[in-house]
Amino acid sequence: MPDLLEFEEPVGVLLKEIEALSLMPRTPERERSIETLRKRADDLRAELYATLTPWQRVLVARHPSRPNTLDYVERLFTGWDELRGDRRFADDHAIVCGFAEYRGQHVAVVGHQKGGDTKQKIYRNFGYARPEGYRKALRVMQLAEKFSRPIVVFIDTPAAYPGVESEERGVAEAIAFNLREMMMLEVPIIVLVCGEGGSGGALGIAIGDRVLMQEFSVYSVIPPEGCAAILWRDANRKVEAAAALKITASDMLALGLIDGIVPEPTGGAHNNPDAATALVDQALSVSLADVAALSVEARLNARYDKFRRMGEEGTAFVNTEA
């Protein structure tokens, strides 16, 4: 039985019944019972996911089986050739970069990588990138510009790594430098938030002509637990913080901070990775075609205007009823 989130407990009861029936001898009547239970489980899952709270969306975005950058690379791209190292300090395993082909077109791919099992999570530092990760990403993006290759970025990180060694090597400078340099890259840049878009750790590689979010991903200046700990000195108020932060895809779209929402299959991308990949494929192909049709000057001007407008979005939080 797949890993279930806390709010999916009613679905888990049905899945256990299906599992128990599946272990018994097969009969036509039993097959019909299993099919009925499966339909009930699917309907119940659809009902639950149609009314998710912001905190529940955070849980979905963090699901351990949610497809990550390398999962999408395997399913969407061919000829993947990973590049490592920032040519200054080391290779950061929390960010993967390389070149591949997408629908017959050469592209660069950059993305966070959290890892699946415990060993991989430790190897990938749980998706917390250090400064060398952002410098590696920019090195690959500048190579992409040199060879006129569009850039596809996958965002999935809680935040940049906050450790002492990260600060010593200039993580804030690395992120700030990326923001400036990515704004001026002349090739198309498509960004997809496919899990957690956490703080500057996400934004450090998230400047793009099109910024998309999967339906159940989140994008925030700080994780809900951190927000609750700072505001109320109580991390247990994370549910309240998640609602206040406006971190869901629909919130981001309403505020003009993203350009589109990529639908997910019933039960989230982790429940059907193949269907989720097909939806991502469709969104990427359309966005790349739209952006590639622009001239370099028009693309850079549109990118600049897009992010300059975000400075006005604070008005969306003003209570005009007072």
C-alpha atoms as a PDB file:
ATOM      1  CA  MET A   1       0.000   0.000   0.000  1.00  0.00           C
ATOM      2  CA  PRO A   2       1.414   3.445  -0.893  1.00  0.00           C
ATOM      3  CA  ASP A   3       2.481   5.963   1.743  1.00  0.00           C
ATOM      4  CA  LEU A   4      -0.636   7.820   2.870  1.00  0.00           C
ATOM      5  CA  LEU A   5      -0.800  11.282   4.354  1.00  0.00           C
ATOM      6  CA  GLU A   6      -2.637  11.923   7.602  1.00  0.00           C
ATOM      7  CA  PHE A   7      -5.753  13.304   5.916  1.00  0.00           C
ATOM      8  CA  GLU A   8      -5.936  10.264   3.600  1.00  0.00           C
ATOM      9  CA  GLU A   9      -6.790   7.849   6.430  1.00  0.00           C
ATOM     10  CA  PRO A  10     -10.322   7.138   5.073  1.00  0.00           C
ATOM     11  CA  VAL A  11      -8.749   6.096   1.767  1.00  0.00           C
ATOM     12  CA  GLY A  12      -6.326   3.870   3.667  1.00  0.00           C
ATOM     13  CA  VAL A  13      -9.212   1.909   5.188  1.00  0.00           C
ATOM     14  CA  LEU A  14     -10.527   1.089   1.710  1.00  0.00           C
ATOM     15  CA  LEU A  15      -7.073   0.209   0.418  1.00  0.00           C
ATOM     16  CA  LYS A  16      -6.596  -2.244   3.279  1.00  0.00           C
ATOM     17  CA  GLU A  17      -9.872  -3.921   2.366  1.00  0.00           C
ATOM     18  CA  ILE A  18      -8.726  -4.164  -1.252  1.00  0.00           C
ATOM     19  CA  GLU A  19      -5.411  -5.636  -0.154  1.00  0.00           C
ATOM     20  CA  ALA A  20      -7.120  -8.221   2.034  1.00  0.00           C
ATOM     21  CA  LEU A  21      -9.479  -9.281  -0.776  1.00  0.00           C
ATOM     22  CA  SER A  22      -6.589  -9.451  -3.252  1.00  0.00           C
ATOM     23  CA  LEU A  23      -4.851 -12.058  -1.068  1.00  0.00           C
ATOM     24  CA  MET A  24      -7.854 -14.346  -1.197  1.00  0.00           C
ATOM     25  CA  PRO A  25      -8.670 -16.768  -4.053  1.00  0.00           C
ATOM     26  CA  ARG A  26      -9.965 -14.957  -7.133  1.00  0.00           C
ATOM     27  CA  THR A  27     -13.675 -15.265  -7.901  1.00  0.00           C
ATOM     28  CA  PRO A  28     -15.926 -13.142 -10.169  1.00  0.00           C
ATOM     29  CA  GLU A  29     -17.813 -11.841  -7.140  1.00  0.00           C
ATOM     30  CA  ARG A  30     -14.610 -10.939  -5.318  1.00  0.00           C
ATOM     31  CA  GLU A  31     -13.247  -9.175  -8.422  1.00  0.00           C
ATOM     32  CA  ARG A  32     -16.405  -7.073  -8.578  1.00  0.00           C
ATOM     33  CA  SER A  33     -16.015  -6.190  -4.900  1.00  0.00           C
ATOM     34  CA  ILE A  34     -12.410  -5.124  -5.446  1.00  0.00           C
ATOM     35  CA  GLU A  35     -13.398  -2.976  -8.424  1.00  0.00           C
ATOM     36  CA  THR A  36     -16.181  -1.331  -6.418  1.00  0.00           C
ATOM     37  CA  LEU A  37     -13.798  -0.586  -3.550  1.00  0.00           C
ATOM     38  CA  ARG A  38     -11.236   0.870  -5.947  1.00  0.00           C
ATOM     39  CA  LYS A  39     -13.836   3.188  -7.424  1.00  0.00           C
ATOM     40  CA  ARG A  40     -14.907   4.275  -3.938  1.00  0.00           C
ATOM     41  CA  ALA A  41     -11.277   4.921  -3.001  1.00  0.00           C
ATOM     42  CA  ASP A  42     -10.719   6.982  -6.161  1.00  0.00           C
ATOM     43  CA  ASP A  43     -13.895   8.995  -5.580  1.00  0.00           C
ATOM     44  CA  LEU A  44     -12.999   9.598  -1.939  1.00  0.00           C
ATOM     45  CA  ARG A  45      -9.467  10.649  -2.864  1.00  0.00           C
ATOM     46  CA  ALA A  46     -10.823  13.063  -5.475  1.00  0.00           C
ATOM     47  CA  GLU A  47     -13.190  14.532  -2.881  1.00  0.00           C
ATOM     48  CA  LEU A  48     -10.391  14.980  -0.343  1.00  0.00           C
ATOM     49  CA  TYR A  49      -8.004  16.590  -2.822  1.00  0.00           C
ATOM     50  CA  ALA A  50     -10.664  18.992  -4.070  1.00  0.00           C
ATOM     51  CA  THR A  51     -10.847  20.639  -0.638  1.00  0.00           C
ATOM     52  CA  LEU A  52      -7.254  20.568   0.617  1.00  0.00           C
ATOM     53  CA  THR A  53      -6.225  23.194   3.152  1.00  0.00           C
ATOM     54  CA  PRO A  54      -2.949  25.096   2.638  1.00  0.00           C
ATOM     55  CA  TRP A  55      -1.204  22.910   5.241  1.00  0.00           C
ATOM     56  CA  GLN A  56      -2.443  19.728   3.589  1.00  0.00           C
ATOM     57  CA  ARG A  57      -1.006  21.015   0.304  1.00  0.00           C
ATOM     58  CA  VAL A  58       2.330  21.445   2.077  1.00  0.00           C
ATOM     59  CA  LEU A  59       2.160  17.785   3.104  1.00  0.00           C
ATOM     60  CA  VAL A  60       1.411  16.748  -0.481  1.00  0.00           C
ATOM     61  CA  ALA A  61       4.281  18.890  -1.804  1.00  0.00           C
ATOM     62  CA  ARG A  62       6.618  17.128   0.635  1.00  0.00           C
ATOM     63  CA  HIS A  63       5.395  13.592  -0.086  1.00  0.00           C
ATOM     64  CA  PRO A  64       8.456  11.287  -0.283  1.00  0.00           C
ATOM     65  CA  SER A  65       7.166   9.646  -3.483  1.00  0.00           C
ATOM     66  CA  ARG A  66       6.495  12.915  -5.306  1.00  0.00           C
ATOM     67  CA  PRO A  67       8.358  13.007  -8.659  1.00  0.00           C
ATOM     68  CA  ASN A  68      11.547  15.055  -8.494  1.00  0.00           C
ATOM     69  CA  THR A  69      13.942  16.578 -11.017  1.00  0.00           C
ATOM     70  CA  LEU A  70      15.678  13.348 -12.007  1.00  0.00           C
ATOM     71  CA  ASP A  71      12.323  11.558 -12.278  1.00  0.00           C
ATOM     72  CA  TYR A  72      11.200  14.132 -14.820  1.00  0.00           C
ATOM     73  CA  VAL A  73      14.556  13.994 -16.571  1.00  0.00           C
ATOM     74  CA  GLU A  74      14.160  10.228 -16.969  1.00  0.00           C
ATOM     75  CA  ARG A  75      10.610  10.505 -18.284  1.00  0.00           C
ATOM     76  CA  LEU A  76      10.749  13.668 -20.411  1.00  0.00           C
ATOM     77  CA  PHE A  77      14.292  14.044 -21.711  1.00  0.00           C
ATOM     78  CA  THR A  78      16.741  11.961 -23.714  1.00  0.00           C
ATOM     79  CA  GLY A  79      20.525  12.058 -23.940  1.00  0.00           C
ATOM     80  CA  TRP A  80      20.896  13.351 -20.381  1.00  0.00           C
ATOM     81  CA  ASP A  81      24.479  14.411 -19.660  1.00  0.00           C
ATOM     82  CA  GLU A  82      24.985  15.708 -16.121  1.00  0.00           C
ATOM     83  CA  LEU A  83      27.605  18.356 -15.352  1.00  0.00           C
ATOM     84  CA  ARG A  84      29.096  18.649 -11.890  1.00  0.00           C
ATOM     85  CA  GLY A  85      31.067  21.169  -9.878  1.00  0.00           C
ATOM     86  CA  ASP A  86      31.116  24.960  -9.701  1.00  0.00           C
ATOM     87  CA  ARG A  87      34.823  25.207 -10.696  1.00  0.00           C
ATOM     88  CA  ARG A  88      35.492  27.036  -7.428  1.00  0.00           C
ATOM     89  CA  PHE A  89      34.882  24.764  -4.456  1.00  0.00           C
ATOM     90  CA  ALA A  90      32.973  21.491  -4.958  1.00  0.00           C
ATOM     91  CA  ASP A  91      29.957  19.766  -6.420  1.00  0.00           C
ATOM     92  CA  ASP A  92      26.657  20.295  -4.614  1.00  0.00           C
ATOM     93  CA  HIS A  93      24.483  17.186  -4.812  1.00  0.00           C
ATOM     94  CA  ALA A  94      21.323  19.130  -3.841  1.00  0.00           C
ATOM     95  CA  ILE A  95      21.222  20.732  -7.302  1.00  0.00           C
ATOM     96  CA  VAL A  96      21.552  18.693 -10.507  1.00  0.00           C
ATOM     97  CA  CYS A  97      22.444  20.284 -13.841  1.00  0.00           C
ATOM     98  CA  GLY A  98      23.068  19.037 -17.329  1.00  0.00           C
ATOM     99  CA  PHE A  99      22.149  19.015 -20.996  1.00  0.00           C
ATOM    100  CA  ALA A 100      19.563  16.848 -22.719  1.00  0.00           C
ATOM    101  CA  GLU A 101      17.096  16.760 -25.584  1.00  0.00           C
ATOM    102  CA  TYR A 102      13.441  17.664 -25.175  1.00  0.00           C
ATOM    103  CA  ARG A 103      11.152  16.878 -28.116  1.00  0.00           C
ATOM    104  CA  GLY A 104      14.172  16.915 -30.413  1.00  0.00           C
ATOM    105  CA  GLN A 105      15.476  20.232 -29.094  1.00  0.00           C
ATOM    106  CA  HIS A 106      18.710  20.616 -27.119  1.00  0.00           C
ATOM    107  CA  VAL A 107      18.053  22.156 -23.690  1.00  0.00           C
ATOM    108  CA  ALA A 108      19.753  22.683 -20.351  1.00  0.00           C
ATOM    109  CA  VAL A 109      18.069  21.247 -17.255  1.00  0.00           C
ATOM    110  CA  VAL A 110      18.628  22.569 -13.736  1.00  0.00           C
ATOM    111  CA  GLY A 111      16.801  21.478 -10.598  1.00  0.00           C
ATOM    112  CA  HIS A 112      16.812  20.681  -6.910  1.00  0.00           C
ATOM    113  CA  GLN A 113      17.073  17.051  -5.873  1.00  0.00           C
ATOM    114  CA  LYS A 114      15.866  15.933  -2.435  1.00  0.00           C
ATOM    115  CA  GLY A 115      16.483  12.209  -2.771  1.00  0.00           C
ATOM    116  CA  GLY A 116      14.161   9.265  -2.190  1.00  0.00           C
ATOM    117  CA  ASP A 117      15.357   6.883   0.526  1.00  0.00           C
ATOM    118  CA  THR A 118      17.308   7.875   3.630  1.00  0.00           C
ATOM    119  CA  LYS A 119      20.707   7.292   2.035  1.00  0.00           C
ATOM    120  CA  GLN A 120      19.836   9.452  -0.966  1.00  0.00           C
ATOM    121  CA  LYS A 121      18.339  12.192   1.217  1.00  0.00           C
ATOM    122  CA  ILE A 122      21.564  12.452   3.187  1.00  0.00           C
ATOM    123  CA  TYR A 123      23.604  12.441  -0.033  1.00  0.00           C
ATOM    124  CA  ARG A 124      21.405  15.214  -1.466  1.00  0.00           C
ATOM    125  CA  ASN A 125      21.335  17.139   1.831  1.00  0.00           C
ATOM    126  CA  PHE A 126      17.520  16.892   1.755  1.00  0.00           C
ATOM    127  CA  GLY A 127      17.429  19.397  -1.114  1.00  0.00           C
ATOM    128  CA  TYR A 128      19.127  22.176   0.875  1.00  0.00           C
ATOM    129  CA  ALA A 129      21.567  23.697  -1.625  1.00  0.00           C
ATOM    130  CA  ARG A 130      24.845  25.332  -0.642  1.00  0.00           C
ATOM    131  CA  PRO A 131      26.447  28.284  -2.473  1.00  0.00           C
ATOM    132  CA  GLU A 132      28.407  25.995  -4.787  1.00  0.00           C
ATOM    133  CA  GLY A 133      25.084  24.569  -5.996  1.00  0.00           C
ATOM    134  CA  TYR A 134      23.871  27.971  -7.138  1.00  0.00           C
ATOM    135  CA  ARG A 135      27.221  28.724  -8.747  1.00  0.00           C
ATOM    136  CA  LYS A 136      27.141  25.383 -10.546  1.00  0.00           C
ATOM    137  CA  ALA A 137      23.629  26.129 -11.777  1.00  0.00           C
ATOM    138  CA  LEU A 138      24.678  29.518 -13.136  1.00  0.00           C
ATOM    139  CA  ARG A 139      27.747  28.003 -14.808  1.00  0.00           C
ATOM    140  CA  VAL A 140      25.514  25.561 -16.705  1.00  0.00           C
ATOM    141  CA  MET A 141      22.989  28.274 -17.566  1.00  0.00           C
ATOM    142  CA  GLN A 142      25.724  30.483 -18.988  1.00  0.00           C
ATOM    143  CA  LEU A 143      26.900  27.522 -21.073  1.00  0.00           C
ATOM    144  CA  ALA A 144      23.326  27.135 -22.295  1.00  0.00           C
ATOM    145  CA  GLU A 145      23.306  30.781 -23.336  1.00  0.00           C
ATOM    146  CA  LYS A 146      26.626  30.364 -25.133  1.00  0.00           C
ATOM    147  CA  PHE A 147      25.203  27.506 -27.222  1.00  0.00           C
ATOM    148  CA  SER A 148      21.693  29.022 -27.576  1.00  0.00           C
ATOM    149  CA  ARG A 149      19.897  26.307 -25.613  1.00  0.00           C
ATOM    150  CA  PRO A 150      16.673  26.988 -23.664  1.00  0.00           C
ATOM    151  CA  ILE A 151      16.762  26.329 -19.931  1.00  0.00           C
ATOM    152  CA  VAL A 152      14.237  24.231 -17.995  1.00  0.00           C
ATOM    153  CA  VAL A 153      14.301  24.590 -14.201  1.00  0.00           C
ATOM    154  CA  PHE A 154      12.642  22.359 -11.590  1.00  0.00           C
ATOM    155  CA  ILE A 155      12.160  23.845  -8.114  1.00  0.00           C
ATOM    156  CA  ASP A 156      11.845  21.600  -5.040  1.00  0.00           C
ATOM    157  CA  THR A 157      13.663  22.739  -1.906  1.00  0.00           C
ATOM    158  CA  PRO A 158      12.731  23.711   1.660  1.00  0.00           C
ATOM    159  CA  ALA A 159      15.323  26.539   1.529  1.00  0.00           C
ATOM    160  CA  ALA A 160      18.996  27.201   0.944  1.00  0.00           C
ATOM    161  CA  TYR A 161      21.235  25.404   3.434  1.00  0.00           C
ATOM    162  CA  PRO A 162      21.547  27.653   6.542  1.00  0.00           C
ATOM    163  CA  GLY A 163      24.696  26.075   8.011  1.00  0.00           C
ATOM    164  CA  VAL A 164      27.789  27.998   9.060  1.00  0.00           C
ATOM    165  CA  GLU A 165      29.883  26.692   6.159  1.00  0.00           C
ATOM    166  CA  SER A 166      27.191  27.832   3.742  1.00  0.00           C
ATOM    167  CA  GLU A 167      27.331  31.347   5.164  1.00  0.00           C
ATOM    168  CA  GLU A 168      31.131  31.308   5.142  1.00  0.00           C
ATOM    169  CA  ARG A 169      31.154  30.537   1.420  1.00  0.00           C
ATOM    170  CA  GLY A 170      28.662  33.305   0.628  1.00  0.00           C
ATOM    171  CA  VAL A 171      25.261  31.716   0.019  1.00  0.00           C
ATOM    172  CA  ALA A 172      23.469  35.075   0.064  1.00  0.00           C
ATOM    173  CA  GLU A 173      25.881  36.502  -2.502  1.00  0.00           C
ATOM    174  CA  ALA A 174      25.547  33.405  -4.699  1.00  0.00           C
ATOM    175  CA  ILE A 175      21.747  33.674  -4.737  1.00  0.00           C
ATOM    176  CA  ALA A 176      21.782  37.440  -5.335  1.00  0.00           C
ATOM    177  CA  PHE A 177      24.304  37.050  -8.157  1.00  0.00           C
ATOM    178  CA  ASN A 178      22.106  34.399  -9.795  1.00  0.00           C
ATOM    179  CA  LEU A 179      19.087  36.710  -9.649  1.00  0.00           C
ATOM    180  CA  ARG A 180      20.949  39.400 -11.533  1.00  0.00           C
ATOM    181  CA  GLU A 181      22.581  37.131 -14.072  1.00  0.00           C
ATOM    182  CA  MET A 182      19.490  35.035 -14.828  1.00  0.00           C
ATOM    183  CA  MET A 183      17.520  38.194 -15.500  1.00  0.00           C
ATOM    184  CA  MET A 184      19.887  38.961 -18.402  1.00  0.00           C
ATOM    185  CA  LEU A 185      20.291  35.501 -19.959  1.00  0.00           C
ATOM    186  CA  GLU A 186      19.188  35.746 -23.570  1.00  0.00           C
ATOM    187  CA  VAL A 187      17.797  32.217 -23.954  1.00  0.00           C
ATOM    188  CA  PRO A 188      14.261  31.151 -22.940  1.00  0.00           C
ATOM    189  CA  ILE A 189      13.913  30.064 -19.296  1.00  0.00           C
ATOM    190  CA  ILE A 190      10.953  27.976 -18.122  1.00  0.00           C
ATOM    191  CA  VAL A 191      10.612  27.381 -14.366  1.00  0.00           C
ATOM    192  CA  LEU A 192       8.389  24.720 -12.776  1.00  0.00           C
ATOM    193  CA  VAL A 193       7.786  24.550  -9.024  1.00  0.00           C
ATOM    194  CA  CYS A 194       7.209  20.812  -8.696  1.00  0.00           C
ATOM    195  CA  GLY A 195       7.327  20.445  -4.905  1.00  0.00           C
ATOM    196  CA  GLU A 196       8.414  22.974  -2.306  1.00  0.00           C
ATOM    197  CA  GLY A 197       9.489  26.408  -3.442  1.00  0.00           C
ATOM    198  CA  GLY A 198      11.188  27.538  -0.277  1.00  0.00           C
ATOM    199  CA  SER A 199      12.525  31.061   0.206  1.00  0.00           C
ATOM    200  CA  GLY A 200      15.729  32.259  -1.474  1.00  0.00           C
ATOM    201  CA  GLY A 201      16.750  28.646  -1.897  1.00  0.00           C
ATOM    202  CA  ALA A 202      14.082  28.379  -4.580  1.00  0.00           C
ATOM    203  CA  LEU A 203      14.366  31.895  -5.977  1.00  0.00           C
ATOM    204  CA  GLY A 204      18.106  31.480  -6.582  1.00  0.00           C
ATOM    205  CA  ILE A 205      17.353  29.485  -9.749  1.00  0.00           C
ATOM    206  CA  ALA A 206      13.746  30.595 -10.347  1.00  0.00           C
ATOM    207  CA  ILE A 207      14.044  33.688 -12.546  1.00  0.00           C
ATOM    208  CA  GLY A 208      12.286  32.783 -15.773  1.00  0.00           C
ATOM    209  CA  ASP A 209      10.147  33.910 -18.681  1.00  0.00           C
ATOM    210  CA  ARG A 210       7.418  31.535 -17.510  1.00  0.00           C
ATOM    211  CA  VAL A 211       7.097  30.430 -13.890  1.00  0.00           C
ATOM    212  CA  LEU A 212       4.679  27.523 -13.490  1.00  0.00           C
ATOM    213  CA  MET A 213       3.492  25.618 -10.429  1.00  0.00           C
ATOM    214  CA  GLN A 214       2.080  22.150 -10.165  1.00  0.00           C
ATOM    215  CA  GLU A 215      -1.363  22.162  -8.613  1.00  0.00           C
ATOM    216  CA  PHE A 216      -0.336  20.803  -5.210  1.00  0.00           C
ATOM    217  CA  SER A 217       3.088  22.420  -4.923  1.00  0.00           C
ATOM    218  CA  VAL A 218       3.787  25.386  -2.631  1.00  0.00           C
ATOM    219  CA  TYR A 219       5.883  28.542  -3.007  1.00  0.00           C
ATOM    220  CA  SER A 220       6.749  30.615   0.047  1.00  0.00           C
ATOM    221  CA  VAL A 221       9.187  33.063   1.577  1.00  0.00           C
ATOM    222  CA  ILE A 222       9.562  30.700   4.552  1.00  0.00           C
ATOM    223  CA  PRO A 223       8.305  27.239   5.581  1.00  0.00           C
ATOM    224  CA  PRO A 224       5.155  27.360   7.753  1.00  0.00           C
ATOM    225  CA  GLU A 225       7.011  25.903  10.751  1.00  0.00           C
ATOM    226  CA  GLY A 226       9.647  28.644  10.568  1.00  0.00           C
ATOM    227  CA  CYS A 227       7.020  31.339  10.183  1.00  0.00           C
ATOM    228  CA  ALA A 228       5.102  30.078  13.219  1.00  0.00           C
ATOM    229  CA  ALA A 229       8.275  29.866  15.293  1.00  0.00           C
ATOM    230  CA  ILE A 230       9.198  33.474  14.453  1.00  0.00           C
ATOM    231  CA  LEU A 231       5.753  35.073  14.737  1.00  0.00           C
ATOM    232  CA  TRP A 232       4.290  33.147  17.665  1.00  0.00           C
ATOM    233  CA  ARG A 233       7.305  31.368  19.152  1.00  0.00           C
ATOM    234  CA  ASP A 234       5.350  28.174  18.570  1.00  0.00           C
ATOM    235  CA  ALA A 235       6.109  25.914  15.589  1.00  0.00           C
ATOM    236  CA  ASN A 236       2.935  23.949  16.334  1.00  0.00           C
ATOM    237  CA  ARG A 237       0.926  26.819  14.837  1.00  0.00           C
ATOM    238  CA  LYS A 238       2.212  25.779  11.407  1.00  0.00           C
ATOM    239  CA  VAL A 239      -1.322  25.119  10.103  1.00  0.00           C
ATOM    240  CA  GLU A 240      -2.312  28.703  10.878  1.00  0.00           C
ATOM    241  CA  ALA A 241       0.923  29.982   9.352  1.00  0.00           C
ATOM    242  CA  ALA A 242       0.399  28.010   6.148  1.00  0.00           C
ATOM    243  CA  ALA A 243      -2.992  29.664   5.651  1.00  0.00           C
ATOM    244  CA  ALA A 244      -1.619  33.148   6.366  1.00  0.00           C
ATOM    245  CA  LEU A 245       1.381  32.836   4.058  1.00  0.00           C
ATOM    246  CA  LYS A 246      -0.676  32.459   0.840  1.00  0.00           C
ATOM    247  CA  ILE A 247       1.577  29.686  -0.463  1.00  0.00           C
ATOM    248  CA  THR A 248      -0.684  27.638  -2.720  1.00  0.00           C
ATOM    249  CA  ALA A 249      -0.635  27.680  -6.512  1.00  0.00           C
ATOM    250  CA  SER A 250      -4.000  29.451  -6.695  1.00  0.00           C
ATOM    251  CA  ASP A 251      -2.742  32.108  -4.263  1.00  0.00           C
ATOM    252  CA  MET A 252       0.402  32.647  -6.315  1.00  0.00           C
ATOM    253  CA  LEU A 253      -1.561  32.955  -9.549  1.00  0.00           C
ATOM    254  CA  ALA A 254      -4.027  35.421  -8.031  1.00  0.00           C
ATOM    255  CA  LEU A 255      -1.129  37.560  -6.808  1.00  0.00           C
ATOM    256  CA  GLY A 256       0.540  37.513 -10.218  1.00  0.00           C
ATOM    257  CA  LEU A 257       3.660  35.789  -8.894  1.00  0.00           C
ATOM    258  CA  ILE A 258       3.412  32.830 -11.287  1.00  0.00           C
ATOM    259  CA  ASP A 259       2.170  32.508 -14.857  1.00  0.00           C
ATOM    260  CA  GLY A 260       0.213  29.277 -14.756  1.00  0.00           C
ATOM    261  CA  ILE A 261      -0.840  26.175 -12.815  1.00  0.00           C
ATOM    262  CA  VAL A 262      -0.055  22.675 -14.090  1.00  0.00           C
ATOM    263  CA  PRO A 263      -2.877  20.280 -13.109  1.00  0.00           C
ATOM    264  CA  GLU A 264      -2.069  17.053 -11.286  1.00  0.00           C
ATOM    265  CA  PRO A 265      -3.819  13.678 -11.453  1.00  0.00           C
ATOM    266  CA  THR A 266      -6.299  12.750  -8.737  1.00  0.00           C
ATOM    267  CA  GLY A 267      -4.410  12.179  -5.512  1.00  0.00           C
ATOM    268  CA  GLY A 268      -1.406  14.269  -6.546  1.00  0.00           C
ATOM    269  CA  ALA A 269       1.645  13.638  -8.712  1.00  0.00           C
ATOM    270  CA  HIS A 270       2.953  10.970  -6.313  1.00  0.00           C
ATOM    271  CA  ASN A 271      -0.198   8.890  -6.851  1.00  0.00           C
ATOM    272  CA  ASN A 272       0.288   8.697 -10.645  1.00  0.00           C
ATOM    273  CA  PRO A 273       3.738   9.910 -11.768  1.00  0.00           C
ATOM    274  CA  ASP A 274       3.155   8.969 -15.409  1.00  0.00           C
ATOM    275  CA  ALA A 275      -0.025  11.033 -15.667  1.00  0.00           C
ATOM    276  CA  ALA A 276       1.667  13.902 -13.825  1.00  0.00           C
ATOM    277  CA  THR A 277       4.574  13.766 -16.277  1.00  0.00           C
ATOM    278  CA  ALA A 278       2.206  13.961 -19.246  1.00  0.00           C
ATOM    279  CA  LEU A 279       0.632  17.114 -17.820  1.00  0.00           C
ATOM    280  CA  VAL A 280       4.045  18.665 -17.159  1.00  0.00           C
ATOM    281  CA  ASP A 281       5.128  17.746 -20.689  1.00  0.00           C
ATOM    282  CA  GLN A 282       2.157  19.561 -22.166  1.00  0.00           C
ATOM    283  CA  ALA A 283       2.772  22.708 -20.097  1.00  0.00           C
ATOM    284  CA  LEU A 284       6.506  22.769 -20.865  1.00  0.00           C
ATOM    285  CA  SER A 285       6.058  22.355 -24.611  1.00  0.00           C
ATOM    286  CA  VAL A 286       3.481  25.161 -24.822  1.00  0.00           C
ATOM    287  CA  SER A 287       5.527  27.535 -22.654  1.00  0.00           C
ATOM    288  CA  LEU A 288       8.768  26.875 -24.525  1.00  0.00           C
ATOM    289  CA  ALA A 289       7.092  27.481 -27.874  1.00  0.00           C
ATOM    290  CA  ASP A 290       5.523  30.744 -26.673  1.00  0.00           C
ATOM    291  CA  VAL A 291       8.734  32.136 -25.217  1.00  0.00           C
ATOM    292  CA  ALA A 292      10.971  30.966 -28.072  1.00  0.00           C
ATOM    293  CA  ALA A 293       8.746  32.845 -30.531  1.00  0.00           C
ATOM    294  CA  LEU A 294       9.811  36.174 -28.989  1.00  0.00           C
ATOM    295  CA  SER A 295      12.884  38.109 -30.059  1.00  0.00           C
ATOM    296  CA  VAL A 296      15.711  38.372 -27.535  1.00  0.00           C
ATOM    297  CA  GLU A 297      14.941  42.030 -26.864  1.00  0.00           C
ATOM    298  CA  ALA A 298      11.221  41.382 -26.402  1.00  0.00           C
ATOM    299  CA  ARG A 299      11.929  38.394 -24.161  1.00  0.00           C
ATOM    300  CA  LEU A 300      14.304  40.323 -21.890  1.00  0.00           C
ATOM    301  CA  ASN A 301      11.938  43.282 -21.654  1.00  0.00           C
ATOM    302  CA  ALA A 302       8.994  41.028 -20.810  1.00  0.00           C
ATOM    303  CA  ARG A 303      11.063  39.184 -18.184  1.00  0.00           C
ATOM    304  CA  TYR A 304      12.149  42.476 -16.607  1.00  0.00           C
ATOM    305  CA  ASP A 305       8.607  43.863 -16.565  1.00  0.00           C
ATOM    306  CA  LYS A 306       7.269  40.620 -15.113  1.00  0.00           C
ATOM    307  CA  PHE A 307       9.472  40.739 -12.028  1.00  0.00           C
ATOM    308  CA  ARG A 308       9.237  44.522 -11.614  1.00  0.00           C
ATOM    309  CA  ARG A 309       5.454  44.192 -11.342  1.00  0.00           C
ATOM    310  CA  MET A 310       5.878  41.926  -8.342  1.00  0.00           C
ATOM    311  CA  GLY A 311       6.888  44.961  -6.291  1.00  0.00           C
ATOM    312  CA  GLU A 312       3.313  46.192  -6.610  1.00  0.00           C
ATOM    313  CA  GLU A 313       1.715  42.962  -5.450  1.00  0.00           C
ATOM    314  CA  GLY A 314       1.756  44.018  -1.788  1.00  0.00           C
ATOM    315  CA  THR A 315      -1.442  45.926  -2.510  1.00  0.00           C
ATOM    316  CA  ALA A 316      -3.231  42.580  -2.781  1.00  0.00           C
ATOM    317  CA  PHE A 317      -2.878  42.148   0.984  1.00  0.00           C
ATOM    318  CA  VAL A 318      -4.334  45.527   1.877  1.00  0.00           C
ATOM    319  CA  ASN A 319      -7.746  45.394   3.540  1.00  0.00           C
ATOM    320  CA  THR A 320      -9.804  47.886   1.529  1.00  0.00           C
ATOM    321  CA  GLU A 321     -12.940  47.299   3.612  1.00  0.00           C
ATOM    322  CA  ALA A 322     -11.620  49.291   6.580  1.00  0.00           C
END
